[in-house]
PDB file of N, CA and C in Angstrom:
ATOM      1  N   MET A   1      -9.835  10.940 -23.328  1.00  0.00           N
ATOM      2  CA  MET A   1      -9.805   9.793 -22.438  1.00  0.00           C
ATOM      3  C   MET A   1     -10.188  10.241 -21.034  1.00  0.00           C
ATOM      4  N   SER A   2     -11.115   9.570 -20.425  1.00  0.00           N
ATOM      5  CA  SER A   2     -11.576   9.893 -19.087  1.00  0.00           C
ATOM      6  C   SER A   2     -10.674   9.206 -18.058  1.00  0.00           C
ATOM      7  N   LEU A   3     -10.265   9.970 -17.050  1.00  0.00           N
ATOM      8  CA  LEU A   3      -9.397   9.434 -16.004  1.00  0.00           C
ATOM      9  C   LEU A   3     -10.231   8.927 -14.834  1.00  0.00           C
ATOM     10  N   PRO A   4      -9.739   7.922 -14.125  1.00  0.00           N
ATOM     11  CA  PRO A   4     -10.424   7.497 -12.904  1.00  0.00           C
ATOM     12  C   PRO A   4     -10.488   8.681 -11.932  1.00  0.00           C
ATOM     13  N   PRO A   5     -11.521   8.745 -11.103  1.00  0.00           N
ATOM     14  CA  PRO A   5     -11.685   9.895 -10.204  1.00  0.00           C
ATOM     15  C   PRO A   5     -10.470  10.185  -9.322  1.00  0.00           C
ATOM     16  N   LEU A   6      -9.840   9.146  -8.779  1.00  0.00           N
ATOM     17  CA  LEU A   6      -8.683   9.375  -7.921  1.00  0.00           C
ATOM     18  C   LEU A   6      -7.552  10.033  -8.694  1.00  0.00           C
ATOM     19  N   LEU A   7      -7.255   9.521  -9.882  1.00  0.00           N
ATOM     20  CA  LEU A   7      -6.184  10.093 -10.696  1.00  0.00           C
ATOM     21  C   LEU A   7      -6.522  11.520 -11.114  1.00  0.00           C
ATOM     22  N   ALA A   8      -7.768  11.772 -11.488  1.00  0.00           N
ATOM     23  CA  ALA A   8      -8.193  13.123 -11.858  1.00  0.00           C
ATOM     24  C   ALA A   8      -8.026  14.078 -10.683  1.00  0.00           C
ATOM     25  N   SER A   9      -8.331  13.615  -9.495  1.00  0.00           N
ATOM     26  CA  SER A   9      -8.176  14.432  -8.292  1.00  0.00           C
ATOM     27  C   SER A   9      -6.710  14.768  -8.037  1.00  0.00           C
ATOM     28  N   ILE A  10      -5.838  13.772  -8.179  1.00  0.00           N
ATOM     29  CA  ILE A  10      -4.400  13.988  -7.978  1.00  0.00           C
ATOM     30  C   ILE A  10      -3.860  14.969  -9.010  1.00  0.00           C
ATOM     31  N   LEU A  11      -4.252  14.796 -10.262  1.00  0.00           N
ATOM     32  CA  LEU A  11      -3.789  15.711 -11.311  1.00  0.00           C
ATOM     33  C   LEU A  11      -4.305  17.126 -11.081  1.00  0.00           C
ATOM     34  N   GLY A  12      -5.549  17.259 -10.630  1.00  0.00           N
ATOM     35  CA  GLY A  12      -6.089  18.578 -10.302  1.00  0.00           C
ATOM     36  C   GLY A  12      -5.314  19.249  -9.192  1.00  0.00           C
ATOM     37  N   TRP A  13      -4.961  18.469  -8.175  1.00  0.00           N
ATOM     38  CA  TRP A  13      -4.175  18.980  -7.051  1.00  0.00           C
ATOM     39  C   TRP A  13      -2.801  19.432  -7.534  1.00  0.00           C
ATOM     40  N   LEU A  14      -2.159  18.624  -8.376  1.00  0.00           N
ATOM     41  CA  LEU A  14      -0.841  18.978  -8.901  1.00  0.00           C
ATOM     42  C   LEU A  14      -0.901  20.244  -9.761  1.00  0.00           C
ATOM     43  N   ARG A  15      -1.905  20.325 -10.611  1.00  0.00           N
ATOM     44  CA  ARG A  15      -2.031  21.498 -11.488  1.00  0.00           C
ATOM     45  C   ARG A  15      -2.309  22.759 -10.685  1.00  0.00           C
ATOM     46  N   ALA A  16      -3.089  22.653  -9.623  1.00  0.00           N
ATOM     47  CA  ALA A  16      -3.367  23.819  -8.781  1.00  0.00           C
ATOM     48  C   ALA A  16      -2.108  24.271  -8.050  1.00  0.00           C
ATOM     49  N   GLY A  17      -1.338  23.319  -7.557  1.00  0.00           N
ATOM     50  CA  GLY A  17      -0.121  23.652  -6.813  1.00  0.00           C
ATOM     51  C   GLY A  17       1.048  24.042  -7.692  1.00  0.00           C
ATOM     52  N   TYR A  18       1.061  23.552  -8.914  1.00  0.00           N
ATOM     53  CA  TYR A  18       2.164  23.797  -9.848  1.00  0.00           C
ATOM     54  C   TYR A  18       1.604  24.204 -11.215  1.00  0.00           C
ATOM     55  N   PRO A  19       1.017  25.396 -11.312  1.00  0.00           N
ATOM     56  CA  PRO A  19       0.402  25.784 -12.594  1.00  0.00           C
ATOM     57  C   PRO A  19       1.399  25.883 -13.752  1.00  0.00           C
ATOM     58  N   ASN A  20       2.679  26.060 -13.449  1.00  0.00           N
ATOM     59  CA  ASN A  20       3.710  26.161 -14.491  1.00  0.00           C
ATOM     60  C   ASN A  20       4.544  24.886 -14.605  1.00  0.00           C
ATOM     61  N   GLY A  21       4.076  23.799 -14.019  1.00  0.00           N
ATOM     62  CA  GLY A  21       4.824  22.543 -14.045  1.00  0.00           C
ATOM     63  C   GLY A  21       5.591  22.351 -12.744  1.00  0.00           C
ATOM     64  N   VAL A  22       5.986  21.126 -12.473  1.00  0.00           N
ATOM     65  CA  VAL A  22       6.696  20.791 -11.242  1.00  0.00           C
ATOM     66  C   VAL A  22       8.180  21.112 -11.401  1.00  0.00           C
ATOM     67  N   PRO A  23       8.724  21.989 -10.521  1.00  0.00           N
ATOM     68  CA  PRO A  23      10.161  22.271 -10.579  1.00  0.00           C
ATOM     69  C   PRO A  23      10.965  21.023 -10.214  1.00  0.00           C
ATOM     70  N   GLU A  24      12.119  20.879 -10.804  1.00  0.00           N
ATOM     71  CA  GLU A  24      12.941  19.680 -10.611  1.00  0.00           C
ATOM     72  C   GLU A  24      13.226  19.404  -9.144  1.00  0.00           C
ATOM     73  N   GLN A  25      13.490  20.439  -8.344  1.00  0.00           N
ATOM     74  CA  GLN A  25      13.837  20.231  -6.934  1.00  0.00           C
ATOM     75  C   GLN A  25      12.637  19.737  -6.105  1.00  0.00           C
ATOM     76  N   ASP A  26      11.435  19.790  -6.659  1.00  0.00           N
ATOM     77  CA  ASP A  26      10.246  19.339  -5.932  1.00  0.00           C
ATOM     78  C   ASP A  26       9.854  17.895  -6.240  1.00  0.00           C
ATOM     79  N   TYR A  27      10.540  17.242  -7.167  1.00  0.00           N
ATOM     80  CA  TYR A  27      10.171  15.870  -7.531  1.00  0.00           C
ATOM     81  C   TYR A  27      10.234  14.904  -6.347  1.00  0.00           C
ATOM     82  N   VAL A  28      11.338  14.893  -5.609  1.00  0.00           N
ATOM     83  CA  VAL A  28      11.502  13.924  -4.520  1.00  0.00           C
ATOM     84  C   VAL A  28      10.467  14.161  -3.418  1.00  0.00           C
ATOM     85  N   PRO A  29      10.299  15.402  -2.916  1.00  0.00           N
ATOM     86  CA  PRO A  29       9.265  15.596  -1.887  1.00  0.00           C
ATOM     87  C   PRO A  29       7.862  15.267  -2.391  1.00  0.00           C
ATOM     88  N   LEU A  30       7.594  15.570  -3.635  1.00  0.00           N
ATOM     89  CA  LEU A  30       6.275  15.290  -4.198  1.00  0.00           C
ATOM     90  C   LEU A  30       6.030  13.787  -4.266  1.00  0.00           C
ATOM     91  N   MET A  31       7.021  13.026  -4.673  1.00  0.00           N
ATOM     92  CA  MET A  31       6.868  11.575  -4.735  1.00  0.00           C
ATOM     93  C   MET A  31       6.681  10.989  -3.340  1.00  0.00           C
ATOM     94  N   ALA A  32       7.307  11.596  -2.337  1.00  0.00           N
ATOM     95  CA  ALA A  32       7.112  11.118  -0.963  1.00  0.00           C
ATOM     96  C   ALA A  32       5.664  11.315  -0.528  1.00  0.00           C
ATOM     97  N   LEU A  33       5.040  12.402  -0.978  1.00  0.00           N
ATOM     98  CA  LEU A  33       3.641  12.650  -0.649  1.00  0.00           C
ATOM     99  C   LEU A  33       2.704  11.695  -1.373  1.00  0.00           C
ATOM    100  N   LEU A  34       3.100  11.264  -2.549  1.00  0.00           N
ATOM    101  CA  LEU A  34       2.256  10.401  -3.375  1.00  0.00           C
ATOM    102  C   LEU A  34       2.681   8.940  -3.276  1.00  0.00           C
ATOM    103  N   ARG A  35       3.036   8.498  -2.065  1.00  0.00           N
ATOM    104  CA  ARG A  35       3.476   7.111  -1.889  1.00  0.00           C
ATOM    105  C   ARG A  35       2.447   6.144  -2.418  1.00  0.00           C
ATOM    106  N   ARG A  36       2.941   5.069  -2.938  1.00  0.00           N
ATOM    107  CA  ARG A  36       2.112   4.030  -3.522  1.00  0.00           C
ATOM    108  C   ARG A  36       1.319   3.306  -2.448  1.00  0.00           C
ATOM    109  N   GLN A  37       0.067   3.000  -2.764  1.00  0.00           N
ATOM    110  CA  GLN A  37      -0.758   2.170  -1.909  1.00  0.00           C
ATOM    111  C   GLN A  37      -1.121   0.918  -2.698  1.00  0.00           C
ATOM    112  N   LEU A  38      -1.140  -0.207  -2.023  1.00  0.00           N
ATOM    113  CA  LEU A  38      -1.455  -1.461  -2.693  1.00  0.00           C
ATOM    114  C   LEU A  38      -2.897  -1.466  -3.189  1.00  0.00           C
ATOM    115  N   SER A  39      -3.085  -2.002  -4.383  1.00  0.00           N
ATOM    116  CA  SER A  39      -4.432  -2.150  -4.926  1.00  0.00           C
ATOM    117  C   SER A  39      -5.119  -3.341  -4.256  1.00  0.00           C
ATOM    118  N   ASP A  40      -6.434  -3.414  -4.407  1.00  0.00           N
ATOM    119  CA  ASP A  40      -7.179  -4.549  -3.848  1.00  0.00           C
ATOM    120  C   ASP A  40      -6.711  -5.868  -4.458  1.00  0.00           C
ATOM    121  N   ASP A  41      -6.390  -5.865  -5.754  1.00  0.00           N
ATOM    122  CA  ASP A  41      -5.892  -7.080  -6.403  1.00  0.00           C
ATOM    123  C   ASP A  41      -4.545  -7.496  -5.818  1.00  0.00           C
ATOM    124  N   GLU A  42      -3.660  -6.519  -5.578  1.00  0.00           N
ATOM    125  CA  GLU A  42      -2.357  -6.832  -4.982  1.00  0.00           C
ATOM    126  C   GLU A  42      -2.527  -7.390  -3.574  1.00  0.00           C
ATOM    127  N   ILE A  43      -3.491  -6.861  -2.818  1.00  0.00           N
ATOM    128  CA  ILE A  43      -3.767  -7.371  -1.473  1.00  0.00           C
ATOM    129  C   ILE A  43      -4.154  -8.846  -1.555  1.00  0.00           C
ATOM    130  N   ALA A  44      -5.029  -9.185  -2.489  1.00  0.00           N
ATOM    131  CA  ALA A  44      -5.473 -10.580  -2.638  1.00  0.00           C
ATOM    132  C   ALA A  44      -4.309 -11.493  -3.020  1.00  0.00           C
ATOM    133  N   VAL A  45      -3.457 -11.059  -3.936  1.00  0.00           N
ATOM    134  CA  VAL A  45      -2.307 -11.871  -4.357  1.00  0.00           C
ATOM    135  C   VAL A  45      -1.338 -12.052  -3.188  1.00  0.00           C
ATOM    136  N   LEU A  46      -1.063 -10.973  -2.446  1.00  0.00           N
ATOM    137  CA  LEU A  46      -0.177 -11.087  -1.283  1.00  0.00           C
ATOM    138  C   LEU A  46      -0.745 -12.057  -0.252  1.00  0.00           C
ATOM    139  N   ALA A  47      -2.044 -11.980  -0.003  1.00  0.00           N
ATOM    140  CA  ALA A  47      -2.665 -12.878   0.969  1.00  0.00           C
ATOM    141  C   ALA A  47      -2.537 -14.328   0.518  1.00  0.00           C
ATOM    142  N   ASP A  48      -2.770 -14.586  -0.763  1.00  0.00           N
ATOM    143  CA  ASP A  48      -2.619 -15.944  -1.291  1.00  0.00           C
ATOM    144  C   ASP A  48      -1.186 -16.442  -1.122  1.00  0.00           C
ATOM    145  N   ASP A  49      -0.212 -15.568  -1.423  1.00  0.00           N
ATOM    146  CA  ASP A  49       1.193 -15.948  -1.283  1.00  0.00           C
ATOM    147  C   ASP A  49       1.547 -16.223   0.177  1.00  0.00           C
ATOM    148  N   LEU A  50       1.001 -15.409   1.078  1.00  0.00           N
ATOM    149  CA  LEU A  50       1.285 -15.601   2.503  1.00  0.00           C
ATOM    150  C   LEU A  50       0.802 -16.947   2.999  1.00  0.00           C
ATOM    151  N   VAL A  51      -0.423 -17.308   2.657  1.00  0.00           N
ATOM    152  CA  VAL A  51      -0.950 -18.580   3.161  1.00  0.00           C
ATOM    153  C   VAL A  51      -0.265 -19.766   2.496  1.00  0.00           C
ATOM    154  N   ALA A  52       0.288 -19.569   1.314  1.00  0.00           N
ATOM    155  CA  ALA A  52       0.983 -20.655   0.629  1.00  0.00           C
ATOM    156  C   ALA A  52       2.409 -20.839   1.138  1.00  0.00           C
ATOM    157  N   ASP A  53       3.056 -19.726   1.537  1.00  0.00           N
ATOM    158  CA  ASP A  53       4.491 -19.782   1.814  1.00  0.00           C
ATOM    159  C   ASP A  53       4.892 -19.604   3.270  1.00  0.00           C
ATOM    160  N   PHE A  54       3.973 -19.191   4.140  1.00  0.00           N
ATOM    161  CA  PHE A  54       4.337 -18.914   5.521  1.00  0.00           C
ATOM    162  C   PHE A  54       3.526 -19.797   6.455  1.00  0.00           C
ATOM    163  N   PRO A  55       4.094 -20.124   7.626  1.00  0.00           N
ATOM    164  CA  PRO A  55       3.366 -20.969   8.574  1.00  0.00           C
ATOM    165  C   PRO A  55       2.191 -20.207   9.195  1.00  0.00           C
ATOM    166  N   VAL A  56       1.189 -20.963   9.615  1.00  0.00           N
ATOM    167  CA  VAL A  56       0.043 -20.389  10.321  1.00  0.00           C
ATOM    168  C   VAL A  56       0.374 -20.430  11.800  1.00  0.00           C
ATOM    169  N   PRO A  57       0.109 -19.409  12.578  1.00  0.00           N
ATOM    170  CA  PRO A  57      -0.542 -18.173  12.173  1.00  0.00           C
ATOM    171  C   PRO A  57       0.425 -17.242  11.446  1.00  0.00           C
ATOM    172  N   VAL A  58      -0.108 -16.485  10.513  1.00  0.00           N
ATOM    173  CA  VAL A  58       0.694 -15.518   9.764  1.00  0.00           C
ATOM    174  C   VAL A  58       1.025 -14.354  10.689  1.00  0.00           C
ATOM    175  N   ASP A  59       2.257 -13.955  10.678  1.00  0.00           N
ATOM    176  CA  ASP A  59       2.746 -12.873  11.527  1.00  0.00           C
ATOM    177  C   ASP A  59       2.708 -11.554  10.754  1.00  0.00           C
ATOM    178  N   PRO A  60       2.353 -10.446  11.402  1.00  0.00           N
ATOM    179  CA  PRO A  60       2.373  -9.152  10.716  1.00  0.00           C
ATOM    180  C   PRO A  60       3.738  -8.806  10.111  1.00  0.00           C
ATOM    181  N   ILE A  61       4.799  -9.299  10.721  1.00  0.00           N
ATOM    182  CA  ILE A  61       6.140  -9.060  10.175  1.00  0.00           C
ATOM    183  C   ILE A  61       6.289  -9.774   8.830  1.00  0.00           C
ATOM    184  N   ASP A  62       5.738 -10.995   8.728  1.00  0.00           N
ATOM    185  CA  ASP A  62       5.770 -11.713   7.446  1.00  0.00           C
ATOM    186  C   ASP A  62       5.023 -10.926   6.373  1.00  0.00           C
ATOM    187  N   ILE A  63       3.895 -10.333   6.755  1.00  0.00           N
ATOM    188  CA  ILE A  63       3.126  -9.520   5.813  1.00  0.00           C
ATOM    189  C   ILE A  63       3.983  -8.362   5.317  1.00  0.00           C
ATOM    190  N   GLY A  64       4.630  -7.658   6.246  1.00  0.00           N
ATOM    191  CA  GLY A  64       5.476  -6.524   5.868  1.00  0.00           C
ATOM    192  C   GLY A  64       6.641  -6.928   4.990  1.00  0.00           C
ATOM    193  N   VAL A  65       7.259  -8.057   5.300  1.00  0.00           N
ATOM    194  CA  VAL A  65       8.387  -8.545   4.498  1.00  0.00           C
ATOM    195  C   VAL A  65       7.932  -8.841   3.071  1.00  0.00           C
ATOM    196  N   LEU A  66       6.804  -9.498   2.918  1.00  0.00           N
ATOM    197  CA  LEU A  66       6.319  -9.825   1.576  1.00  0.00           C
ATOM    198  C   LEU A  66       5.927  -8.560   0.804  1.00  0.00           C
ATOM    199  N   ILE A  67       5.306  -7.594   1.469  1.00  0.00           N
ATOM    200  CA  ILE A  67       4.983  -6.322   0.809  1.00  0.00           C
ATOM    201  C   ILE A  67       6.261  -5.664   0.322  1.00  0.00           C
ATOM    202  N   THR A  68       7.311  -5.667   1.136  1.00  0.00           N
ATOM    203  CA  THR A  68       8.591  -5.067   0.751  1.00  0.00           C
ATOM    204  C   THR A  68       9.162  -5.771  -0.477  1.00  0.00           C
ATOM    205  N   LYS A  69       9.066  -7.097  -0.520  1.00  0.00           N
ATOM    206  CA  LYS A  69       9.578  -7.840  -1.678  1.00  0.00           C
ATOM    207  C   LYS A  69       8.814  -7.489  -2.953  1.00  0.00           C
ATOM    208  N   VAL A  70       7.506  -7.288  -2.835  1.00  0.00           N
ATOM    209  CA  VAL A  70       6.676  -7.011  -4.002  1.00  0.00           C
ATOM    210  C   VAL A  70       6.827  -5.568  -4.467  1.00  0.00           C
ATOM    211  N   THR A  71       6.846  -4.612  -3.520  1.00  0.00           N
ATOM    212  CA  THR A  71       6.853  -3.196  -3.886  1.00  0.00           C
ATOM    213  C   THR A  71       8.231  -2.567  -3.896  1.00  0.00           C
ATOM    214  N   ASP A  72       9.218  -3.251  -3.318  1.00  0.00           N
ATOM    215  CA  ASP A  72      10.572  -2.701  -3.185  1.00  0.00           C
ATOM    216  C   ASP A  72      10.550  -1.379  -2.411  1.00  0.00           C
ATOM    217  N   ASP A  73       9.670  -1.314  -1.418  1.00  0.00           N
ATOM    218  CA  ASP A  73       9.520  -0.126  -0.594  1.00  0.00           C
ATOM    219  C   ASP A  73       9.114  -0.568   0.809  1.00  0.00           C
ATOM    220  N   ILE A  74       9.337   0.286   1.784  1.00  0.00           N
ATOM    221  CA  ILE A  74       8.916  -0.004   3.147  1.00  0.00           C
ATOM    222  C   ILE A  74       7.390  -0.041   3.169  1.00  0.00           C
ATOM    223  N   PRO A  75       6.810  -1.083   3.756  1.00  0.00           N
ATOM    224  CA  PRO A  75       5.348  -1.195   3.720  1.00  0.00           C
ATOM    225  C   PRO A  75       4.670  -0.154   4.598  1.00  0.00           C
ATOM    226  N   HIS A  76       3.528   0.344   4.152  1.00  0.00           N
ATOM    227  CA  HIS A  76       2.691   1.211   4.973  1.00  0.00           C
ATOM    228  C   HIS A  76       2.008   0.332   6.011  1.00  0.00           C
ATOM    229  N   GLU A  77       1.870   0.841   7.218  1.00  0.00           N
ATOM    230  CA  GLU A  77       1.130   0.085   8.235  1.00  0.00           C
ATOM    231  C   GLU A  77      -0.304  -0.157   7.774  1.00  0.00           C
ATOM    232  N   SER A  78      -0.857   0.810   7.022  1.00  0.00           N
ATOM    233  CA  SER A  78      -2.238   0.642   6.550  1.00  0.00           C
ATOM    234  C   SER A  78      -2.336  -0.507   5.544  1.00  0.00           C
ATOM    235  N   ASP A  79      -1.300  -0.722   4.722  1.00  0.00           N
ATOM    236  CA  ASP A  79      -1.315  -1.849   3.784  1.00  0.00           C
ATOM    237  C   ASP A  79      -1.162  -3.172   4.524  1.00  0.00           C
ATOM    238  N   VAL A  80      -0.311  -3.193   5.545  1.00  0.00           N
ATOM    239  CA  VAL A  80      -0.167  -4.406   6.362  1.00  0.00           C
ATOM    240  C   VAL A  80      -1.522  -4.737   6.987  1.00  0.00           C
ATOM    241  N   ALA A  81      -2.201  -3.719   7.486  1.00  0.00           N
ATOM    242  CA  ALA A  81      -3.516  -3.940   8.100  1.00  0.00           C
ATOM    243  C   ALA A  81      -4.529  -4.432   7.076  1.00  0.00           C
ATOM    244  N   ARG A  82      -4.484  -3.925   5.845  1.00  0.00           N
ATOM    245  CA  ARG A  82      -5.420  -4.366   4.804  1.00  0.00           C
ATOM    246  C   ARG A  82      -5.190  -5.833   4.443  1.00  0.00           C
ATOM    247  N   VAL A  83      -3.924  -6.246   4.325  1.00  0.00           N
ATOM    248  CA  VAL A  83      -3.633  -7.654   4.033  1.00  0.00           C
ATOM    249  C   VAL A  83      -4.110  -8.517   5.197  1.00  0.00           C
ATOM    250  N   ARG A  84      -3.831  -8.061   6.408  1.00  0.00           N
ATOM    251  CA  ARG A  84      -4.241  -8.788   7.610  1.00  0.00           C
ATOM    252  C   ARG A  84      -5.759  -8.980   7.632  1.00  0.00           C
ATOM    253  N   GLU A  85      -6.511  -7.918   7.364  1.00  0.00           N
ATOM    254  CA  GLU A  85      -7.972  -8.010   7.358  1.00  0.00           C
ATOM    255  C   GLU A  85      -8.466  -8.945   6.258  1.00  0.00           C
ATOM    256  N   HIS A  86      -7.809  -8.929   5.114  1.00  0.00           N
ATOM    257  CA  HIS A  86      -8.173  -9.836   4.018  1.00  0.00           C
ATOM    258  C   HIS A  86      -7.988 -11.292   4.459  1.00  0.00           C
ATOM    259  N   LEU A  87      -6.891 -11.558   5.141  1.00  0.00           N
ATOM    260  CA  LEU A  87      -6.634 -12.916   5.622  1.00  0.00           C
ATOM    261  C   LEU A  87      -7.668 -13.336   6.660  1.00  0.00           C
ATOM    262  N   ILE A  88      -7.992 -12.432   7.570  1.00  0.00           N
ATOM    263  CA  ILE A  88      -8.982 -12.740   8.608  1.00  0.00           C
ATOM    264  C   ILE A  88     -10.337 -13.050   7.978  1.00  0.00           C
ATOM    265  N   ARG A  89     -10.740 -12.234   6.985  1.00  0.00           N
ATOM    266  CA  ARG A  89     -12.015 -12.490   6.296  1.00  0.00           C
ATOM    267  C   ARG A  89     -12.009 -13.847   5.605  1.00  0.00           C
ATOM    268  N   GLY A  90     -10.818 -14.295   5.196  1.00  0.00           N
ATOM    269  CA  GLY A  90     -10.697 -15.598   4.546  1.00  0.00           C
ATOM    270  C   GLY A  90     -10.596 -16.754   5.530  1.00  0.00           C
ATOM    271  N   GLY A  91     -10.629 -16.437   6.842  1.00  0.00           N
ATOM    272  CA  GLY A  91     -10.600 -17.482   7.856  1.00  0.00           C
ATOM    273  C   GLY A  91      -9.215 -17.897   8.316  1.00  0.00           C
ATOM    274  N   TRP A  92      -8.179 -17.138   7.935  1.00  0.00           N
ATOM    275  CA  TRP A  92      -6.820 -17.493   8.326  1.00  0.00           C
ATOM    276  C   TRP A  92      -6.489 -16.941   9.696  1.00  0.00           C
ATOM    277  N   GLN A  93      -5.702 -17.707  10.446  1.00  0.00           N
ATOM    278  CA  GLN A  93      -5.284 -17.294  11.779  1.00  0.00           C
ATOM    279  C   GLN A  93      -4.111 -16.319  11.661  1.00  0.00           C
ATOM    280  N   ILE A  94      -4.210 -15.210  12.394  1.00  0.00           N
ATOM    281  CA  ILE A  94      -3.206 -14.154  12.340  1.00  0.00           C
ATOM    282  C   ILE A  94      -2.671 -13.916  13.740  1.00  0.00           C
ATOM    283  N   ASP A  95      -1.359 -13.678  13.852  1.00  0.00           N
ATOM    284  CA  ASP A  95      -0.759 -13.306  15.131  1.00  0.00           C
ATOM    285  C   ASP A  95      -1.185 -11.893  15.513  1.00  0.00           C
ATOM    286  N   ALA A  96      -0.554 -11.356  16.520  1.00  0.00           N
ATOM    287  CA  ALA A  96      -0.906 -10.047  17.084  1.00  0.00           C
ATOM    288  C   ALA A  96      -1.126  -8.981  16.034  1.00  0.00           C
ATOM    289  N   GLN A  97      -2.087  -8.115  16.317  1.00  0.00           N
ATOM    290  CA  GLN A  97      -2.408  -7.013  15.389  1.00  0.00           C
ATOM    291  C   GLN A  97      -1.386  -5.890  15.567  1.00  0.00           C
ATOM    292  N   PRO A  98      -0.771  -5.458  14.448  1.00  0.00           N
ATOM    293  CA  PRO A  98       0.184  -4.351  14.558  1.00  0.00           C
ATOM    294  C   PRO A  98      -0.564  -3.035  14.709  1.00  0.00           C
ATOM    295  N   PRO A  99       0.078  -2.016  15.326  1.00  0.00           N
ATOM    296  CA  PRO A  99      -0.569  -0.712  15.404  1.00  0.00           C
ATOM    297  C   PRO A  99      -0.598  -0.055  14.027  1.00  0.00           C
ATOM    298  N   VAL A 100      -1.654   0.675  13.738  1.00  0.00           N
ATOM    299  CA  VAL A 100      -1.757   1.418  12.481  1.00  0.00           C
ATOM    300  C   VAL A 100      -1.560   2.883  12.821  1.00  0.00           C
ATOM    301  N   ASP A 101      -0.416   3.455  12.359  1.00  0.00           N
ATOM    302  CA  ASP A 101      -0.112   4.816  12.751  1.00  0.00           C
ATOM    303  C   ASP A 101       0.138   5.749  11.583  1.00  0.00           C
ATOM    304  N   ASP A 102      -0.039   5.305  10.330  1.00  0.00           N
ATOM    305  CA  ASP A 102       0.117   6.230   9.217  1.00  0.00           C
ATOM    306  C   ASP A 102      -1.238   6.498   8.585  1.00  0.00           C
ATOM    307  N   ALA A 103      -1.332   7.605   7.916  1.00  0.00           N
ATOM    308  CA  ALA A 103      -2.615   7.979   7.315  1.00  0.00           C
ATOM    309  C   ALA A 103      -2.568   7.872   5.819  1.00  0.00           C
TER     310      ALA A 103
END
């Protein structure tokens, strides 16, 4: 079975760093490094939900709250920015732009 390039890259990185397998004490730090990023489909669904359920203009805080509800995790600023850009491309009015400070 062929893996998508991103997944193959991640597995290659893991195998290089942990040739004998991941030690149990490294699971939590490793998962922190591999934080989830929203897919393009999830961005579109979140944007649709925002325009249906929140008043215009949509606030960046509303975007973050909805991401938290969907992912059960603190939203990445980059994901908030991606949802915001999706809404702008769709012609929706957005409040102030939040700073993007994570990589």
